[in-house]
Amino acid sequence: MEKYKPIIDDWEAFEAERDKHPVNAVRKNPLKAREDFEEKLAERFDFEEVDWAEGIYRLDTESPGKSVLHWMGEYYVQEESAALPVTVLDPGPGEKILDMCAAPGGKTTQIAAEMDNKGLVVANDESGQRMKSLHANVYRTGSAIVEATNYDARRLPGEEFDRILVDAPCSGEGDRFYETFTAIDEGDSEDLSNLQFHILEKASQMVKEEGTVVYSTCTISPLENEAVVKRAVEETELELESIETDIEHVRGVEEFQEKDYGSEMSKTVRVYPHHVNSGVIFVAKFRKH
């Protein structure tokens, strides 16, 4: 991770965070949560609601999935930072939404909840094995407007959507942060960058005019983040829009290792583990013109 030192806002805090355990978090599911949700949550856990979004709770436990509330679908176990992409997507009731890389379903079910189960969410994933967990989570959370598909995201059939989420397959440096504190090999990152761009390119073809596309990864590598975004702006009809959020964050990287990504990257957002004691997330928001 040392190579990222120039783009980390507080290297000492970042490095110190690796020896900690991320704070477990859950997202309240309004499709199933009852009026006494917080009362029931307090019977099982010490908790606090985050200050940047509604319905996300930090729990003082190592076993957030071991509760009746989870089993009943009243909450979904999800990293705090992982809730940001759907918050930026801002789906609404009655819309037609595509989640291109959906399994295991955390963001899919968050979308359905924000739509109040009104409209359509197409949840796609290439992995047949991962589709099992997607189906299970959709069922458990009562996300009735979700239809699941099993395609390579680059080859989805032609449809038009109001909003599209591309939570792209990535090197997962955020996941490895608390385990090995190692960066991905640059060659592997370049291969992923090419795949990510082509998925985002497909999204640009499937979103309606003036529609919204949100791109996210859980990795630090600019090759998988800013480089992909820059290429999309240059080679598709997508235009970057600035993200406004109250979660602690830094703005995207404008240059790294002699590569210039441009000042527009300040419209994107990076959340590092030391910001909210959670995983890495990178988010970019586009509008099609």
Protein backbone atom coordinates (compact mmCIF):
# COMPACT_ATOMS: atom_id res chain seq x y z
CA MET A 1 0.00 0.00 0.00
CA GLU A 2 3.02 2.29 0.37
CA LYS A 3 2.77 3.33 -3.28
CA TYR A 4 -0.55 5.03 -2.48
CA LYS A 5 0.98 7.30 0.16
CA PRO A 6 0.83 10.39 -2.14
CA ILE A 7 -2.96 10.07 -2.54
CA ILE A 8 -3.93 9.26 1.05
CA ASP A 9 -5.06 12.34 2.98
CA ASP A 10 -3.74 11.15 6.36
CA TRP A 11 -1.20 8.37 5.93
CA GLU A 12 -0.63 7.85 9.67
CA ALA A 13 -4.34 7.39 10.35
CA PHE A 14 -4.68 5.18 7.26
CA GLU A 15 -1.79 2.95 8.33
CA ALA A 16 -3.00 2.77 11.94
CA GLU A 17 -6.44 1.66 10.78
CA ARG A 18 -5.08 -1.58 9.31
CA ASP A 19 -4.53 -2.98 12.80
CA LYS A 20 -8.13 -2.37 13.79
CA HIS A 21 -11.31 -4.26 13.03
CA PRO A 22 -13.83 -2.47 10.80
CA VAL A 23 -16.98 -1.42 12.64
CA ASN A 24 -19.83 -3.70 11.65
CA ALA A 25 -22.86 -1.96 10.23
CA VAL A 26 -26.38 -2.81 9.15
CA ARG A 27 -28.88 -1.07 6.91
CA LYS A 28 -32.48 -0.90 8.10
CA ASN A 29 -34.87 -2.40 5.57
CA PRO A 30 -38.03 -0.25 5.54
CA LEU A 31 -39.83 -2.88 3.47
CA LYS A 32 -39.90 -5.17 6.49
CA ALA A 33 -38.78 -3.23 9.58
CA ARG A 34 -41.51 -2.68 12.14
CA GLU A 35 -42.15 0.46 14.19
CA ASP A 36 -40.24 -0.94 17.17
CA PHE A 37 -37.12 -1.66 15.06
CA GLU A 38 -34.71 0.41 17.13
CA GLU A 39 -36.17 -0.91 20.38
CA LYS A 40 -35.63 -4.48 19.21
CA LEU A 41 -32.15 -3.61 17.93
CA ALA A 42 -31.25 -2.20 21.35
CA GLU A 43 -32.28 -5.44 23.03
CA ARG A 44 -29.56 -7.25 21.10
CA PHE A 45 -26.83 -4.69 20.38
CA ASP A 46 -25.27 -1.41 21.39
CA PHE A 47 -25.63 0.79 18.32
CA GLU A 48 -25.50 4.28 16.87
CA GLU A 49 -27.07 5.63 13.67
CA VAL A 50 -24.61 7.28 11.29
CA ASP A 51 -24.92 11.02 10.74
CA TRP A 52 -24.63 11.08 6.93
CA ALA A 53 -27.52 8.83 5.92
CA GLU A 54 -30.76 7.51 7.39
CA GLY A 55 -31.21 3.92 8.46
CA ILE A 56 -27.55 2.86 8.70
CA TYR A 57 -26.42 1.69 12.13
CA ARG A 58 -22.99 0.88 13.54
CA LEU A 59 -23.20 -2.13 15.84
CA ASP A 60 -20.87 -3.03 18.68
CA THR A 61 -20.67 -6.72 17.79
CA GLU A 62 -18.68 -9.19 15.74
CA SER A 63 -21.82 -11.14 14.78
CA PRO A 64 -24.36 -8.74 13.22
CA GLY A 65 -26.00 -11.58 11.29
CA LYS A 66 -26.92 -13.54 14.42
CA SER A 67 -30.28 -12.04 15.27
CA VAL A 68 -33.95 -12.55 14.55
CA LEU A 69 -34.10 -9.07 12.99
CA HIS A 70 -31.59 -10.18 10.37
CA TRP A 71 -33.33 -13.49 9.77
CA MET A 72 -36.67 -11.68 9.35
CA GLY A 73 -35.17 -9.28 6.83
CA GLU A 74 -35.61 -6.17 8.96
CA TYR A 75 -32.00 -5.23 8.33
CA TYR A 76 -29.23 -6.11 5.90
CA VAL A 77 -25.62 -6.54 7.06
CA GLN A 78 -23.63 -4.12 4.92
CA GLU A 79 -20.42 -2.12 5.27
CA GLU A 80 -21.21 1.49 6.04
CA SER A 81 -19.25 2.81 3.06
CA ALA A 82 -20.94 0.30 0.73
CA ALA A 83 -24.24 2.14 1.18
CA LEU A 84 -22.86 5.25 -0.53
CA PRO A 85 -23.22 4.27 -4.24
CA VAL A 86 -27.00 3.74 -4.01
CA THR A 87 -27.36 6.95 -2.01
CA VAL A 88 -25.62 8.73 -4.90
CA LEU A 89 -27.76 6.86 -7.48
CA ASP A 90 -30.86 8.26 -5.70
CA PRO A 91 -33.50 5.88 -7.14
CA GLY A 92 -37.16 6.77 -6.78
CA PRO A 93 -40.53 4.95 -6.80
CA GLY A 94 -41.81 3.97 -10.25
CA GLU A 95 -38.42 4.06 -11.96
CA LYS A 96 -36.72 1.33 -13.99
CA ILE A 97 -33.29 0.59 -12.54
CA LEU A 98 -30.47 -1.76 -13.60
CA ASP A 99 -27.87 -3.13 -11.20
CA MET A 100 -25.33 -4.58 -13.64
CA CYS A 101 -23.11 -6.53 -11.18
CA ALA A 102 -25.62 -7.22 -8.45
CA ALA A 103 -24.71 -10.32 -6.39
CA PRO A 104 -24.91 -10.87 -3.49
CA GLY A 105 -27.63 -8.21 -3.47
CA GLY A 106 -26.77 -5.59 -0.87
CA LYS A 107 -27.10 -2.67 -3.23
CA THR A 108 -29.98 -4.28 -5.15
CA THR A 109 -32.09 -4.58 -2.02
CA GLN A 110 -31.11 -1.05 -0.97
CA ILE A 111 -32.37 0.21 -4.34
CA ALA A 112 -35.68 -1.65 -3.95
CA ALA A 113 -36.11 -0.22 -0.46
CA GLU A 114 -35.47 3.36 -1.62
CA MET A 115 -38.06 2.79 -4.37
CA ASP A 116 -40.59 1.60 -1.77
CA ASN A 117 -41.06 -1.56 -3.87
CA LYS A 118 -42.61 0.49 -6.69
CA GLY A 119 -41.12 0.17 -10.16
CA LEU A 120 -38.60 -2.35 -11.50
CA VAL A 121 -35.08 -3.34 -10.51
CA VAL A 122 -33.23 -5.67 -12.88
CA ALA A 123 -30.46 -7.32 -10.87
CA ASN A 124 -27.86 -8.90 -13.13
CA ASP A 125 -24.79 -10.95 -12.33
CA GLU A 126 -22.54 -13.10 -14.49
CA SER A 127 -21.82 -15.69 -11.78
CA GLY A 128 -24.36 -18.46 -11.53
CA GLN A 129 -23.01 -19.43 -8.11
CA ARG A 130 -23.37 -15.89 -6.74
CA MET A 131 -26.95 -15.74 -8.09
CA LYS A 132 -27.94 -18.09 -5.28
CA SER A 133 -27.09 -15.51 -2.62
CA LEU A 134 -28.74 -12.78 -4.70
CA HIS A 135 -32.01 -14.71 -4.83
CA ALA A 136 -31.83 -15.52 -1.11
CA ASN A 137 -31.27 -11.89 -0.10
CA VAL A 138 -33.98 -10.56 -2.40
CA TYR A 139 -36.45 -13.04 -0.90
CA ARG A 140 -35.41 -12.39 2.72
CA THR A 141 -35.73 -8.62 2.38
CA GLY A 142 -39.08 -8.73 0.55
CA SER A 143 -37.68 -6.88 -2.48
CA ALA A 144 -40.65 -7.77 -4.67
CA ILE A 145 -39.79 -5.50 -7.61
CA VAL A 146 -36.47 -7.25 -8.32
CA GLU A 147 -36.03 -9.43 -11.39
CA ALA A 148 -32.74 -11.33 -11.58
CA THR A 149 -30.79 -12.03 -14.78
CA ASN A 150 -27.59 -13.99 -15.42
CA TYR A 151 -25.54 -12.32 -18.19
CA ASP A 152 -22.04 -11.07 -18.79
CA ALA A 153 -22.79 -7.39 -18.10
CA ARG A 154 -21.06 -6.40 -21.34
CA ARG A 155 -23.57 -8.46 -23.31
CA LEU A 156 -26.88 -7.60 -21.70
CA PRO A 157 -29.84 -7.45 -24.12
CA GLY A 158 -30.86 -4.00 -25.28
CA GLU A 159 -33.17 -2.23 -22.82
CA GLU A 160 -33.43 1.35 -21.59
CA PHE A 161 -33.24 2.33 -17.92
CA ASP A 162 -33.75 5.49 -15.88
CA ARG A 163 -30.72 4.79 -13.69
CA ILE A 164 -27.92 2.23 -13.78
CA LEU A 165 -25.53 1.11 -11.07
CA VAL A 166 -22.16 -0.32 -12.10
CA ASP A 167 -20.67 -1.68 -8.88
CA ALA A 168 -17.84 -3.13 -10.91
CA PRO A 169 -15.79 -6.26 -10.29
CA CYS A 170 -12.45 -5.00 -8.98
CA SER A 171 -9.23 -5.95 -7.24
CA GLY A 172 -10.84 -5.49 -3.83
CA GLU A 173 -7.96 -3.68 -2.17
CA GLY A 174 -10.45 -2.36 0.34
CA ASP A 175 -11.33 -5.91 1.37
CA ARG A 176 -7.65 -6.84 1.67
CA PHE A 177 -6.81 -3.69 3.62
CA TYR A 178 -7.57 -5.23 7.01
CA GLU A 179 -6.07 -8.61 6.02
CA THR A 180 -2.79 -8.21 4.13
CA PHE A 181 -2.35 -4.45 3.54
CA THR A 182 -1.03 -5.20 0.04
CA ALA A 183 -1.80 -3.48 -3.26
CA ILE A 184 -2.74 -5.39 -6.39
CA ASP A 185 -0.23 -6.13 -9.13
CA GLU A 186 -0.41 -3.32 -11.69
CA GLY A 187 -0.82 -5.71 -14.63
CA ASP A 188 -3.86 -7.30 -13.01
CA SER A 189 -5.27 -3.86 -12.28
CA GLU A 190 -4.88 -2.86 -15.94
CA ASP A 191 -6.78 -5.98 -17.06
CA LEU A 192 -9.60 -5.17 -14.65
CA SER A 193 -9.61 -1.55 -15.81
CA ASN A 194 -10.35 -2.67 -19.36
CA LEU A 195 -13.20 -4.92 -18.20
CA GLN A 196 -14.64 -2.16 -16.01
CA PHE A 197 -14.61 0.34 -18.86
CA HIS A 198 -16.49 -2.00 -21.20
CA ILE A 199 -19.18 -2.61 -18.57
CA LEU A 200 -19.48 1.15 -18.08
CA GLU A 201 -19.58 1.61 -21.86
CA LYS A 202 -22.50 -0.83 -22.01
CA ALA A 203 -24.24 1.14 -19.25
CA SER A 204 -23.89 4.31 -21.33
CA GLN A 205 -25.74 2.57 -24.15
CA MET A 206 -28.55 1.30 -21.93
CA VAL A 207 -29.33 4.40 -19.87
CA LYS A 208 -31.92 6.80 -21.24
CA GLU A 209 -31.09 10.35 -22.30
CA GLU A 210 -30.51 12.49 -19.20
CA GLY A 211 -30.42 9.28 -17.17
CA THR A 212 -27.99 8.62 -14.34
CA VAL A 213 -25.15 6.09 -14.16
CA VAL A 214 -23.18 5.52 -10.96
CA TYR A 215 -19.84 3.71 -11.07
CA SER A 216 -18.25 2.30 -7.92
CA THR A 217 -15.45 0.01 -6.78
CA CYS A 218 -14.01 -1.10 -3.45
CA THR A 219 -10.40 -0.57 -4.50
CA ILE A 220 -7.81 2.21 -4.21
CA SER A 221 -6.07 1.80 -7.58
CA PRO A 222 -6.52 4.85 -9.85
CA LEU A 223 -6.25 2.46 -12.81
CA GLU A 224 -9.59 0.97 -11.78
CA ASN A 225 -11.14 4.24 -10.70
CA GLU A 226 -10.12 7.56 -12.24
CA ALA A 227 -8.62 5.97 -15.36
CA VAL A 228 -11.90 4.19 -16.10
CA VAL A 229 -13.93 7.34 -15.45
CA LYS A 230 -11.66 9.47 -17.65
CA ARG A 231 -11.96 6.96 -20.51
CA ALA A 232 -15.75 6.88 -20.16
CA VAL A 233 -15.94 10.68 -20.39
CA GLU A 234 -13.73 10.65 -23.48
CA GLU A 235 -15.28 7.69 -25.32
CA THR A 236 -18.99 7.62 -24.37
CA GLU A 237 -21.90 10.04 -24.06
CA LEU A 238 -21.54 10.13 -20.28
CA GLU A 239 -20.66 13.37 -18.51
CA LEU A 240 -19.40 13.58 -14.94
CA GLU A 241 -21.54 15.20 -12.28
CA SER A 242 -20.25 16.35 -8.91
CA ILE A 243 -21.17 14.21 -5.91
CA GLU A 244 -22.33 15.93 -2.74
CA THR A 245 -22.30 13.79 0.39
CA ASP A 246 -21.86 14.22 4.13
CA ILE A 247 -19.86 11.03 4.59
CA GLU A 248 -16.21 11.78 5.45
CA HIS A 249 -14.27 11.53 2.20
CA VAL A 250 -11.66 12.97 -0.11
CA ARG A 251 -12.06 13.89 -3.76
CA GLY A 252 -10.81 11.80 -6.67
CA VAL A 253 -7.19 11.70 -7.77
CA GLU A 254 -6.19 14.18 -10.47
CA GLU A 255 -2.76 12.65 -11.07
CA PHE A 256 -0.83 9.59 -9.91
CA GLN A 257 2.47 8.03 -10.97
CA GLU A 258 2.91 10.49 -13.85
CA LYS A 259 -0.59 9.80 -15.18
CA ASP A 260 -2.87 12.84 -15.51
CA TYR A 261 -6.57 12.18 -14.91
CA GLY A 262 -7.69 15.80 -15.00
CA SER A 263 -9.38 18.27 -12.70
CA GLU A 264 -12.83 16.76 -13.35
CA MET A 265 -11.90 13.91 -11.01
CA SER A 266 -12.62 16.33 -8.16
CA LYS A 267 -16.28 15.50 -8.87
CA THR A 268 -15.70 11.92 -7.74
CA VAL A 269 -15.42 10.62 -4.17
CA ARG A 270 -13.01 8.34 -2.32
CA VAL A 271 -13.75 6.98 1.15
CA TYR A 272 -10.80 5.37 2.94
CA PRO A 273 -10.94 3.00 5.95
CA HIS A 274 -9.79 5.63 8.44
CA HIS A 275 -12.65 7.94 7.46
CA VAL A 276 -15.51 5.81 8.82
CA ASN A 277 -13.79 2.63 10.10
CA SER A 278 -15.18 0.82 7.09
CA GLY A 279 -14.05 -0.46 3.69
CA VAL A 280 -12.73 1.51 0.74
CA ILE A 281 -15.25 2.93 -1.72
CA PHE A 282 -14.79 4.98 -4.88
CA VAL A 283 -17.86 6.54 -6.50
CA ALA A 284 -18.42 8.50 -9.71
CA LYS A 285 -21.74 9.84 -10.98
CA PHE A 286 -22.58 10.41 -14.65
CA ARG A 287 -25.44 11.84 -16.64
CA LYS A 288 -26.03 10.90 -20.27
CA HIS A 289 -26.26 13.83 -22.67
